[in-house]
Amino acid sequence: MKQAVKGALLSGLVLPGLGQITLKRYPHGIGFLLVSLACIIYIVNTTVSQVMSSLAVLDPAMAPLMPPPAGTDHSGAVLWILGLCWVWSVLDAYRSGDVLDRAKTDRG
């Protein structure tokens, strides 16, 4: 399998940054991984908080378990950041793999 396709598939189907790490572009891969994991953690945290709020409305005994209300909900912006990071990661992995594929073809 070509490096370009392999890197793009790993970044697109598994986790952003994984394709770059496979292609040995560690700083890019770690950057994409950190941004995407931070976004995913924020989304999961917000979702759990909203579920707990809903449970507290349904069952007042759950109110003490509910976390304090957070400030403004930025889930929409975080989803956009995650989506852009994901697309950028796929394109970057494909481009990086293509450079490696061309270098291999030129040598061999």
PDB file of N, CA and C in Angstrom:
ATOM      1  N   MET A   1       0.853  -1.176   0.000  1.00  0.00           N
ATOM      2  CA  MET A   1       0.000   0.000   0.000  1.00  0.00           C
ATOM      3  C   MET A   1       0.898   1.238   0.000  1.00  0.00           C
ATOM      4  N   LYS A   2       0.511   2.218  -0.766  1.00  0.00           N
ATOM      5  CA  LYS A   2       1.291   3.451  -0.828  1.00  0.00           C
ATOM      6  C   LYS A   2       1.227   4.183   0.513  1.00  0.00           C
ATOM      7  N   GLN A   3       2.315   4.867   0.827  1.00  0.00           N
ATOM      8  CA  GLN A   3       2.398   5.608   2.087  1.00  0.00           C
ATOM      9  C   GLN A   3       1.325   6.698   2.168  1.00  0.00           C
ATOM     10  N   ALA A   4       1.034   7.348   1.038  1.00  0.00           N
ATOM     11  CA  ALA A   4       0.053   8.430   1.025  1.00  0.00           C
ATOM     12  C   ALA A   4      -1.324   7.917   1.429  1.00  0.00           C
ATOM     13  N   VAL A   5      -1.715   6.797   0.868  1.00  0.00           N
ATOM     14  CA  VAL A   5      -3.035   6.222   1.172  1.00  0.00           C
ATOM     15  C   VAL A   5      -3.065   5.707   2.606  1.00  0.00           C
ATOM     16  N   LYS A   6      -2.006   5.034   3.010  1.00  0.00           N
ATOM     17  CA  LYS A   6      -1.924   4.492   4.370  1.00  0.00           C
ATOM     18  C   LYS A   6      -2.036   5.600   5.421  1.00  0.00           C
ATOM     19  N   GLY A   7      -1.286   6.674   5.239  1.00  0.00           N
ATOM     20  CA  GLY A   7      -1.332   7.784   6.194  1.00  0.00           C
ATOM     21  C   GLY A   7      -2.691   8.461   6.227  1.00  0.00           C
ATOM     22  N   ALA A   8      -3.288   8.675   5.044  1.00  0.00           N
ATOM     23  CA  ALA A   8      -4.598   9.326   4.986  1.00  0.00           C
ATOM     24  C   ALA A   8      -5.672   8.462   5.631  1.00  0.00           C
ATOM     25  N   LEU A   9      -5.625   7.157   5.394  1.00  0.00           N
ATOM     26  CA  LEU A   9      -6.624   6.273   5.992  1.00  0.00           C
ATOM     27  C   LEU A   9      -6.498   6.222   7.519  1.00  0.00           C
ATOM     28  N   LEU A  10      -5.278   6.156   8.015  1.00  0.00           N
ATOM     29  CA  LEU A  10      -5.099   6.120   9.471  1.00  0.00           C
ATOM     30  C   LEU A  10      -5.568   7.425  10.119  1.00  0.00           C
ATOM     31  N   SER A  11      -5.253   8.553   9.492  1.00  0.00           N
ATOM     32  CA  SER A  11      -5.683   9.839  10.051  1.00  0.00           C
ATOM     33  C   SER A  11      -7.178  10.047   9.898  1.00  0.00           C
ATOM     34  N   GLY A  12      -7.747   9.525   8.825  1.00  0.00           N
ATOM     35  CA  GLY A  12      -9.166   9.753   8.568  1.00  0.00           C
ATOM     36  C   GLY A  12     -10.090   8.797   9.282  1.00  0.00           C
ATOM     37  N   LEU A  13      -9.694   7.536   9.390  1.00  0.00           N
ATOM     38  CA  LEU A  13     -10.599   6.532   9.942  1.00  0.00           C
ATOM     39  C   LEU A  13     -10.329   6.170  11.396  1.00  0.00           C
ATOM     40  N   VAL A  14      -9.128   6.430  11.873  1.00  0.00           N
ATOM     41  CA  VAL A  14      -8.809   6.049  13.251  1.00  0.00           C
ATOM     42  C   VAL A  14      -8.763   7.278  14.148  1.00  0.00           C
ATOM     43  N   LEU A  15      -7.750   8.114  13.971  1.00  0.00           N
ATOM     44  CA  LEU A  15      -7.595   9.305  14.808  1.00  0.00           C
ATOM     45  C   LEU A  15      -6.677  10.291  14.099  1.00  0.00           C
ATOM     46  N   PRO A  16      -7.040  11.568  14.087  1.00  0.00           N
ATOM     47  CA  PRO A  16      -6.163  12.550  13.451  1.00  0.00           C
ATOM     48  C   PRO A  16      -4.772  12.529  14.078  1.00  0.00           C
ATOM     49  N   GLY A  17      -3.749  12.527  13.223  1.00  0.00           N
ATOM     50  CA  GLY A  17      -2.378  12.514  13.697  1.00  0.00           C
ATOM     51  C   GLY A  17      -1.735  11.143  13.637  1.00  0.00           C
ATOM     52  N   LEU A  18      -2.545  10.093  13.599  1.00  0.00           N
ATOM     53  CA  LEU A  18      -1.983   8.752  13.571  1.00  0.00           C
ATOM     54  C   LEU A  18      -1.263   8.477  12.251  1.00  0.00           C
ATOM     55  N   GLY A  19      -1.758   9.012  11.164  1.00  0.00           N
ATOM     56  CA  GLY A  19      -1.088   8.857   9.877  1.00  0.00           C
ATOM     57  C   GLY A  19       0.268   9.533   9.872  1.00  0.00           C
ATOM     58  N   GLN A  20       0.352  10.729  10.470  1.00  0.00           N
ATOM     59  CA  GLN A  20       1.631  11.440  10.538  1.00  0.00           C
ATOM     60  C   GLN A  20       2.636  10.670  11.403  1.00  0.00           C
ATOM     61  N   ILE A  21       2.167  10.098  12.485  1.00  0.00           N
ATOM     62  CA  ILE A  21       3.062   9.335  13.355  1.00  0.00           C
ATOM     63  C   ILE A  21       3.570   8.101  12.617  1.00  0.00           C
ATOM     64  N   THR A  22       2.705   7.446  11.853  1.00  0.00           N
ATOM     65  CA  THR A  22       3.115   6.295  11.059  1.00  0.00           C
ATOM     66  C   THR A  22       4.154   6.685  10.018  1.00  0.00           C
ATOM     67  N   LEU A  23       4.021   7.904   9.474  1.00  0.00           N
ATOM     68  CA  LEU A  23       4.964   8.392   8.461  1.00  0.00           C
ATOM     69  C   LEU A  23       6.204   9.042   9.085  1.00  0.00           C
ATOM     70  N   LYS A  24       6.325   8.928  10.408  1.00  0.00           N
ATOM     71  CA  LYS A  24       7.474   9.465  11.166  1.00  0.00           C
ATOM     72  C   LYS A  24       7.552  10.993  11.132  1.00  0.00           C
ATOM     73  N   ARG A  25       6.403  11.646  11.078  1.00  0.00           N
ATOM     74  CA  ARG A  25       6.336  13.108  11.200  1.00  0.00           C
ATOM     75  C   ARG A  25       5.761  13.393  12.585  1.00  0.00           C
ATOM     76  N   TYR A  26       6.565  13.125  13.587  1.00  0.00           N
ATOM     77  CA  TYR A  26       6.113  13.137  14.971  1.00  0.00           C
ATOM     78  C   TYR A  26       5.576  14.477  15.463  1.00  0.00           C
ATOM     79  N   PRO A  27       6.217  15.609  15.202  1.00  0.00           N
ATOM     80  CA  PRO A  27       5.656  16.872  15.708  1.00  0.00           C
ATOM     81  C   PRO A  27       4.255  17.166  15.154  1.00  0.00           C
ATOM     82  N   HIS A  28       4.057  16.920  13.862  1.00  0.00           N
ATOM     83  CA  HIS A  28       2.727  17.143  13.272  1.00  0.00           C
ATOM     84  C   HIS A  28       1.715  16.174  13.867  1.00  0.00           C
ATOM     85  N   GLY A  29       2.106  14.905  13.965  1.00  0.00           N
ATOM     86  CA  GLY A  29       1.196  13.892  14.497  1.00  0.00           C
ATOM     87  C   GLY A  29       0.780  14.173  15.923  1.00  0.00           C
ATOM     88  N   ILE A  30       1.736  14.548  16.756  1.00  0.00           N
ATOM     89  CA  ILE A  30       1.422  14.840  18.160  1.00  0.00           C
ATOM     90  C   ILE A  30       0.544  16.083  18.260  1.00  0.00           C
ATOM     91  N   GLY A  31       0.810  17.072  17.423  1.00  0.00           N
ATOM     92  CA  GLY A  31      -0.031  18.280  17.418  1.00  0.00           C
ATOM     93  C   GLY A  31      -1.474  17.960  17.072  1.00  0.00           C
ATOM     94  N   PHE A  32      -1.680  17.191  15.993  1.00  0.00           N
ATOM     95  CA  PHE A  32      -3.042  16.809  15.606  1.00  0.00           C
ATOM     96  C   PHE A  32      -3.701  15.959  16.688  1.00  0.00           C
ATOM     97  N   LEU A  33      -2.934  15.035  17.271  1.00  0.00           N
ATOM     98  CA  LEU A  33      -3.485  14.193  18.343  1.00  0.00           C
ATOM     99  C   LEU A  33      -3.919  15.023  19.545  1.00  0.00           C
ATOM    100  N   LEU A  34      -3.093  15.968  19.965  1.00  0.00           N
ATOM    101  CA  LEU A  34      -3.424  16.776  21.146  1.00  0.00           C
ATOM    102  C   LEU A  34      -4.668  17.631  20.917  1.00  0.00           C
ATOM    103  N   VAL A  35      -4.744  18.260  19.750  1.00  0.00           N
ATOM    104  CA  VAL A  35      -5.908  19.103  19.461  1.00  0.00           C
ATOM    105  C   VAL A  35      -7.178  18.257  19.407  1.00  0.00           C
ATOM    106  N   SER A  36      -7.111  17.137  18.691  1.00  0.00           N
ATOM    107  CA  SER A  36      -8.318  16.318  18.559  1.00  0.00           C
ATOM    108  C   SER A  36      -8.731  15.687  19.884  1.00  0.00           C
ATOM    109  N   LEU A  37      -7.777  15.220  20.672  1.00  0.00           N
ATOM    110  CA  LEU A  37      -8.125  14.638  21.972  1.00  0.00           C
ATOM    111  C   LEU A  37      -8.689  15.687  22.931  1.00  0.00           C
ATOM    112  N   ALA A  38      -8.151  16.898  22.897  1.00  0.00           N
ATOM    113  CA  ALA A  38      -8.695  17.972  23.735  1.00  0.00           C
ATOM    114  C   ALA A  38     -10.145  18.272  23.340  1.00  0.00           C
ATOM    115  N   CYS A  39     -10.416  18.309  22.050  1.00  0.00           N
ATOM    116  CA  CYS A  39     -11.790  18.557  21.581  1.00  0.00           C
ATOM    117  C   CYS A  39     -12.726  17.428  21.995  1.00  0.00           C
ATOM    118  N   ILE A  40     -12.263  16.184  21.836  1.00  0.00           N
ATOM    119  CA  ILE A  40     -13.092  15.037  22.199  1.00  0.00           C
ATOM    120  C   ILE A  40     -13.372  15.034  23.700  1.00  0.00           C
ATOM    121  N   ILE A  41     -12.374  15.324  24.506  1.00  0.00           N
ATOM    122  CA  ILE A  41     -12.574  15.370  25.965  1.00  0.00           C
ATOM    123  C   ILE A  41     -13.575  16.461  26.330  1.00  0.00           C
ATOM    124  N   TYR A  42     -13.464  17.625  25.701  1.00  0.00           N
ATOM    125  CA  TYR A  42     -14.403  18.714  25.978  1.00  0.00           C
ATOM    126  C   TYR A  42     -15.825  18.303  25.614  1.00  0.00           C
ATOM    127  N   ILE A  43     -16.006  17.680  24.455  1.00  0.00           N
ATOM    128  CA  ILE A  43     -17.344  17.276  24.006  1.00  0.00           C
ATOM    129  C   ILE A  43     -17.928  16.229  24.943  1.00  0.00           C
ATOM    130  N   VAL A  44     -17.124  15.252  25.349  1.00  0.00           N
ATOM    131  CA  VAL A  44     -17.612  14.221  26.267  1.00  0.00           C
ATOM    132  C   VAL A  44     -17.966  14.841  27.614  1.00  0.00           C
ATOM    133  N   ASN A  45     -17.134  15.736  28.114  1.00  0.00           N
ATOM    134  CA  ASN A  45     -17.391  16.406  29.388  1.00  0.00           C
ATOM    135  C   ASN A  45     -18.703  17.199  29.342  1.00  0.00           C
ATOM    136  N   THR A  46     -18.898  17.941  28.261  1.00  0.00           N
ATOM    137  CA  THR A  46     -20.118  18.735  28.109  1.00  0.00           C
ATOM    138  C   THR A  46     -21.345  17.836  28.027  1.00  0.00           C
ATOM    139  N   THR A  47     -21.221  16.733  27.292  1.00  0.00           N
ATOM    140  CA  THR A  47     -22.342  15.809  27.144  1.00  0.00           C
ATOM    141  C   THR A  47     -22.710  15.179  28.479  1.00  0.00           C
ATOM    142  N   VAL A  48     -21.719  14.749  29.236  1.00  0.00           N
ATOM    143  CA  VAL A  48     -21.985  14.150  30.550  1.00  0.00           C
ATOM    144  C   VAL A  48     -22.645  15.175  31.470  1.00  0.00           C
ATOM    145  N   SER A  49     -22.183  16.407  31.430  1.00  0.00           N
ATOM    146  CA  SER A  49     -22.776  17.459  32.250  1.00  0.00           C
ATOM    147  C   SER A  49     -24.240  17.691  31.881  1.00  0.00           C
ATOM    148  N   GLN A  50     -24.544  17.686  30.590  1.00  0.00           N
ATOM    149  CA  GLN A  50     -25.932  17.879  30.159  1.00  0.00           C
ATOM    150  C   GLN A  50     -26.812  16.697  30.554  1.00  0.00           C
ATOM    151  N   VAL A  51     -26.271  15.496  30.482  1.00  0.00           N
ATOM    152  CA  VAL A  51     -27.029  14.309  30.899  1.00  0.00           C
ATOM    153  C   VAL A  51     -27.304  14.366  32.395  1.00  0.00           C
ATOM    154  N   MET A  52     -26.306  14.764  33.171  1.00  0.00           N
ATOM    155  CA  MET A  52     -26.506  14.866  34.619  1.00  0.00           C
ATOM    156  C   MET A  52     -27.548  15.931  34.954  1.00  0.00           C
ATOM    157  N   SER A  53     -27.565  17.029  34.211  1.00  0.00           N
ATOM    158  CA  SER A  53     -28.567  18.073  34.427  1.00  0.00           C
ATOM    159  C   SER A  53     -29.961  17.541  34.128  1.00  0.00           C
ATOM    160  N   SER A  54     -30.070  16.766  33.073  1.00  0.00           N
ATOM    161  CA  SER A  54     -31.367  16.173  32.722  1.00  0.00           C
ATOM    162  C   SER A  54     -31.813  15.189  33.786  1.00  0.00           C
ATOM    163  N   LEU A  55     -30.890  14.412  34.315  1.00  0.00           N
ATOM    164  CA  LEU A  55     -31.237  13.465  35.377  1.00  0.00           C
ATOM    165  C   LEU A  55     -31.676  14.192  36.644  1.00  0.00           C
ATOM    166  N   ALA A  56     -31.048  15.308  36.940  1.00  0.00           N
ATOM    167  CA  ALA A  56     -31.408  16.070  38.131  1.00  0.00           C
ATOM    168  C   ALA A  56     -32.826  16.630  38.009  1.00  0.00           C
ATOM    169  N   VAL A  57     -33.232  16.963  36.796  1.00  0.00           N
ATOM    170  CA  VAL A  57     -34.598  17.452  36.590  1.00  0.00           C
ATOM    171  C   VAL A  57     -35.586  16.309  36.785  1.00  0.00           C
ATOM    172  N   LEU A  58     -35.237  15.129  36.283  1.00  0.00           N
ATOM    173  CA  LEU A  58     -36.136  13.979  36.398  1.00  0.00           C
ATOM    174  C   LEU A  58     -36.173  13.415  37.815  1.00  0.00           C
ATOM    175  N   ASP A  59     -35.036  13.405  38.483  1.00  0.00           N
ATOM    176  CA  ASP A  59     -34.946  12.841  39.828  1.00  0.00           C
ATOM    177  C   ASP A  59     -34.189  13.815  40.725  1.00  0.00           C
ATOM    178  N   PRO A  60     -34.903  14.562  41.583  1.00  0.00           N
ATOM    179  CA  PRO A  60     -34.234  15.550  42.438  1.00  0.00           C
ATOM    180  C   PRO A  60     -33.176  14.946  43.363  1.00  0.00           C
ATOM    181  N   ALA A  61     -33.234  13.655  43.621  1.00  0.00           N
ATOM    182  CA  ALA A  61     -32.223  13.023  44.468  1.00  0.00           C
ATOM    183  C   ALA A  61     -30.858  13.013  43.777  1.00  0.00           C
ATOM    184  N   MET A  62     -30.832  13.197  42.457  1.00  0.00           N
ATOM    185  CA  MET A  62     -29.575  13.219  41.708  1.00  0.00           C
ATOM    186  C   MET A  62     -28.899  14.589  41.773  1.00  0.00           C
ATOM    187  N   ALA A  63     -29.593  15.607  42.263  1.00  0.00           N
ATOM    188  CA  ALA A  63     -29.067  16.972  42.264  1.00  0.00           C
ATOM    189  C   ALA A  63     -27.710  17.099  42.973  1.00  0.00           C
ATOM    190  N   PRO A  64     -27.486  16.438  44.116  1.00  0.00           N
ATOM    191  CA  PRO A  64     -26.164  16.577  44.749  1.00  0.00           C
ATOM    192  C   PRO A  64     -25.022  16.000  43.906  1.00  0.00           C
ATOM    193  N   LEU A  65     -25.332  15.067  43.018  1.00  0.00           N
ATOM    194  CA  LEU A  65     -24.301  14.460  42.185  1.00  0.00           C
ATOM    195  C   LEU A  65     -23.952  15.318  40.969  1.00  0.00           C
ATOM    196  N   MET A  66     -24.778  16.301  40.717  1.00  0.00           N
ATOM    197  CA  MET A  66     -24.604  17.119  39.523  1.00  0.00           C
ATOM    198  C   MET A  66     -23.441  18.091  39.696  1.00  0.00           C
ATOM    199  N   PRO A  67     -22.589  18.200  38.669  1.00  0.00           N
ATOM    200  CA  PRO A  67     -21.492  19.175  38.760  1.00  0.00           C
ATOM    201  C   PRO A  67     -22.037  20.595  38.705  1.00  0.00           C
ATOM    202  N   PRO A  68     -21.280  21.550  39.204  1.00  0.00           N
ATOM    203  CA  PRO A  68     -21.758  22.931  39.137  1.00  0.00           C
ATOM    204  C   PRO A  68     -21.914  23.362  37.678  1.00  0.00           C
ATOM    205  N   PRO A  69     -22.869  24.240  37.411  1.00  0.00           N
ATOM    206  CA  PRO A  69     -23.084  24.650  36.021  1.00  0.00           C
ATOM    207  C   PRO A  69     -21.857  25.354  35.451  1.00  0.00           C
ATOM    208  N   ALA A  70     -21.536  24.984  34.237  1.00  0.00           N
ATOM    209  CA  ALA A  70     -20.381  25.588  33.575  1.00  0.00           C
ATOM    210  C   ALA A  70     -20.796  26.904  32.942  1.00  0.00           C
ATOM    211  N   GLY A  71     -19.831  27.618  32.432  1.00  0.00           N
ATOM    212  CA  GLY A  71     -20.108  28.887  31.763  1.00  0.00           C
ATOM    213  C   GLY A  71     -20.766  28.651  30.417  1.00  0.00           C
ATOM    214  N   THR A  72     -20.346  29.391  29.450  1.00  0.00           N
ATOM    215  CA  THR A  72     -20.914  29.302  28.120  1.00  0.00           C
ATOM    216  C   THR A  72     -20.550  27.973  27.465  1.00  0.00           C
ATOM    217  N   ASP A  73     -21.495  27.416  26.734  1.00  0.00           N
ATOM    218  CA  ASP A  73     -21.276  26.167  26.026  1.00  0.00           C
ATOM    219  C   ASP A  73     -20.656  26.466  24.657  1.00  0.00           C
ATOM    220  N   HIS A  74     -19.468  25.950  24.439  1.00  0.00           N
ATOM    221  CA  HIS A  74     -18.744  26.198  23.185  1.00  0.00           C
ATOM    222  C   HIS A  74     -18.705  24.953  22.307  1.00  0.00           C
ATOM    223  N   SER A  75     -19.658  24.041  22.478  1.00  0.00           N
ATOM    224  CA  SER A  75     -19.617  22.766  21.762  1.00  0.00           C
ATOM    225  C   SER A  75     -19.609  22.939  20.254  1.00  0.00           C
ATOM    226  N   GLY A  76     -20.351  23.899  19.739  1.00  0.00           N
ATOM    227  CA  GLY A  76     -20.391  24.115  18.296  1.00  0.00           C
ATOM    228  C   GLY A  76     -19.030  24.489  17.743  1.00  0.00           C
ATOM    229  N   ALA A  77     -18.360  25.408  18.411  1.00  0.00           N
ATOM    230  CA  ALA A  77     -17.031  25.827  17.966  1.00  0.00           C
ATOM    231  C   ALA A  77     -16.027  24.681  18.095  1.00  0.00           C
ATOM    232  N   VAL A  78     -16.143  23.910  19.165  1.00  0.00           N
ATOM    233  CA  VAL A  78     -15.220  22.794  19.368  1.00  0.00           C
ATOM    234  C   VAL A  78     -15.433  21.718  18.296  1.00  0.00           C
ATOM    235  N   LEU A  79     -16.692  21.485  17.909  1.00  0.00           N
ATOM    236  CA  LEU A  79     -16.954  20.527  16.829  1.00  0.00           C
ATOM    237  C   LEU A  79     -16.352  20.997  15.510  1.00  0.00           C
ATOM    238  N   TRP A  80     -16.431  22.287  15.232  1.00  0.00           N
ATOM    239  CA  TRP A  80     -15.815  22.837  14.026  1.00  0.00           C
ATOM    240  C   TRP A  80     -14.297  22.657  14.061  1.00  0.00           C
ATOM    241  N   ILE A  81     -13.702  22.948  15.206  1.00  0.00           N
ATOM    242  CA  ILE A  81     -12.249  22.786  15.343  1.00  0.00           C
ATOM    243  C   ILE A  81     -11.850  21.329  15.133  1.00  0.00           C
ATOM    244  N   LEU A  82     -12.610  20.414  15.732  1.00  0.00           N
ATOM    245  CA  LEU A  82     -12.325  18.988  15.572  1.00  0.00           C
ATOM    246  C   LEU A  82     -12.465  18.574  14.110  1.00  0.00           C
ATOM    247  N   GLY A  83     -13.514  19.017  13.450  1.00  0.00           N
ATOM    248  CA  GLY A  83     -13.719  18.669  12.044  1.00  0.00           C
ATOM    249  C   GLY A  83     -12.614  19.203  11.150  1.00  0.00           C
ATOM    250  N   LEU A  84     -12.241  20.459  11.363  1.00  0.00           N
ATOM    251  CA  LEU A  84     -11.160  21.048  10.565  1.00  0.00           C
ATOM    252  C   LEU A  84      -9.826  20.348  10.831  1.00  0.00           C
ATOM    253  N   CYS A  85      -9.580  20.018  12.084  1.00  0.00           N
ATOM    254  CA  CYS A  85      -8.353  19.305  12.444  1.00  0.00           C
ATOM    255  C   CYS A  85      -8.324  17.938  11.754  1.00  0.00           C
ATOM    256  N   TRP A  86      -9.464  17.274  11.719  1.00  0.00           N
ATOM    257  CA  TRP A  86      -9.550  15.950  11.112  1.00  0.00           C
ATOM    258  C   TRP A  86      -9.261  16.021   9.611  1.00  0.00           C
ATOM    259  N   VAL A  87      -9.908  16.964   8.931  1.00  0.00           N
ATOM    260  CA  VAL A  87      -9.702  17.111   7.484  1.00  0.00           C
ATOM    261  C   VAL A  87      -8.258  17.516   7.185  1.00  0.00           C
ATOM    262  N   TRP A  88      -7.749  18.475   7.940  1.00  0.00           N
ATOM    263  CA  TRP A  88      -6.374  18.940   7.736  1.00  0.00           C
ATOM    264  C   TRP A  88      -5.387  17.796   7.958  1.00  0.00           C
ATOM    265  N   SER A  89      -5.649  16.967   8.956  1.00  0.00           N
ATOM    266  CA  SER A  89      -4.781  15.840   9.253  1.00  0.00           C
ATOM    267  C   SER A  89      -4.756  14.844   8.094  1.00  0.00           C
ATOM    268  N   VAL A  90      -5.917  14.564   7.517  1.00  0.00           N
ATOM    269  CA  VAL A  90      -5.982  13.628   6.390  1.00  0.00           C
ATOM    270  C   VAL A  90      -5.208  14.188   5.194  1.00  0.00           C
ATOM    271  N   LEU A  91      -5.447  15.458   4.879  1.00  0.00           N
ATOM    272  CA  LEU A  91      -4.759  16.076   3.740  1.00  0.00           C
ATOM    273  C   LEU A  91      -3.251  16.125   3.963  1.00  0.00           C
ATOM    274  N   ASP A  92      -2.825  16.473   5.181  1.00  0.00           N
ATOM    275  CA  ASP A  92      -1.407  16.549   5.491  1.00  0.00           C
ATOM    276  C   ASP A  92      -0.758  15.169   5.423  1.00  0.00           C
ATOM    277  N   ALA A  93      -1.445  14.151   5.933  1.00  0.00           N
ATOM    278  CA  ALA A  93      -0.891  12.800   5.886  1.00  0.00           C
ATOM    279  C   ALA A  93      -0.775  12.318   4.445  1.00  0.00           C
ATOM    280  N   TYR A  94      -1.772  12.617   3.631  1.00  0.00           N
ATOM    281  CA  TYR A  94      -1.706  12.211   2.224  1.00  0.00           C
ATOM    282  C   TYR A  94      -0.547  12.914   1.516  1.00  0.00           C
ATOM    283  N   ARG A  95      -0.420  14.214   1.747  1.00  0.00           N
ATOM    284  CA  ARG A  95       0.651  14.984   1.109  1.00  0.00           C
ATOM    285  C   ARG A  95       2.025  14.481   1.563  1.00  0.00           C
ATOM    286  N   SER A  96       2.174  14.225   2.841  1.00  0.00           N
ATOM    287  CA  SER A  96       3.456  13.738   3.369  1.00  0.00           C
ATOM    288  C   SER A  96       3.786  12.357   2.820  1.00  0.00           C
ATOM    289  N   GLY A  97       2.791  11.494   2.752  1.00  0.00           N
ATOM    290  CA  GLY A  97       3.002  10.160   2.202  1.00  0.00           C
ATOM    291  C   GLY A  97       3.319  10.214   0.722  1.00  0.00           C
ATOM    292  N   ASP A  98       2.700  11.147   0.015  1.00  0.00           N
ATOM    293  CA  ASP A  98       2.966  11.301  -1.415  1.00  0.00           C
ATOM    294  C   ASP A  98       4.413  11.722  -1.654  1.00  0.00           C
ATOM    295  N   VAL A  99       4.919  12.608  -0.809  1.00  0.00           N
ATOM    296  CA  VAL A  99       6.328  13.025  -0.922  1.00  0.00           C
ATOM    297  C   VAL A  99       7.237  11.816  -0.713  1.00  0.00           C
ATOM    298  N   LEU A 100       6.933  10.979   0.272  1.00  0.00           N
ATOM    299  CA  LEU A 100       7.737   9.772   0.510  1.00  0.00           C
ATOM    300  C   LEU A 100       7.640   8.794  -0.656  1.00  0.00           C
ATOM    301  N   ASP A 101       6.425   8.623  -1.204  1.00  0.00           N
ATOM    302  CA  ASP A 101       6.240   7.732  -2.342  1.00  0.00           C
ATOM    303  C   ASP A 101       7.029   8.199  -3.561  1.00  0.00           C
ATOM    304  N   ARG A 102       7.006   9.503  -3.821  1.00  0.00           N
ATOM    305  CA  ARG A 102       7.744  10.055  -4.970  1.00  0.00           C
ATOM    306  C   ARG A 102       9.256   9.887  -4.777  1.00  0.00           C
ATOM    307  N   ALA A 103       9.714  10.103  -3.554  1.00  0.00           N
ATOM    308  CA  ALA A 103      11.155   9.948  -3.289  1.00  0.00           C
ATOM    309  C   ALA A 103      11.571   8.495  -3.501  1.00  0.00           C
ATOM    310  N   LYS A 104      10.711   7.566  -3.087  1.00  0.00           N
ATOM    311  CA  LYS A 104      11.018   6.143  -3.261  1.00  0.00           C
ATOM    312  C   LYS A 104      11.032   5.776  -4.750  1.00  0.00           C
ATOM    313  N   THR A 105      10.094   6.335  -5.517  1.00  0.00           N
ATOM    314  CA  THR A 105      10.020   6.067  -6.950  1.00  0.00           C
ATOM    315  C   THR A 105      11.232   6.647  -7.678  1.00  0.00           C
ATOM    316  N   ASP A 106      11.654   7.849  -7.278  1.00  0.00           N
ATOM    317  CA  ASP A 106      12.797   8.500  -7.919  1.00  0.00           C
ATOM    318  C   ASP A 106      14.101   7.736  -7.654  1.00  0.00           C
ATOM    319  N   ARG A 107      14.223   7.156  -6.469  1.00  0.00           N
ATOM    320  CA  ARG A 107      15.430   6.410  -6.120  1.00  0.00           C
ATOM    321  C   ARG A 107      15.479   5.065  -6.816  1.00  0.00           C
ATOM    322  N   GLY A 108      14.296   4.427  -6.892  1.00  0.00           N
ATOM    323  CA  GLY A 108      14.298   3.053  -7.336  1.00  0.00           C
ATOM    324  C   GLY A 108      13.942   2.859  -8.722  1.00  0.00           C
TER     325      GLY A 108
END
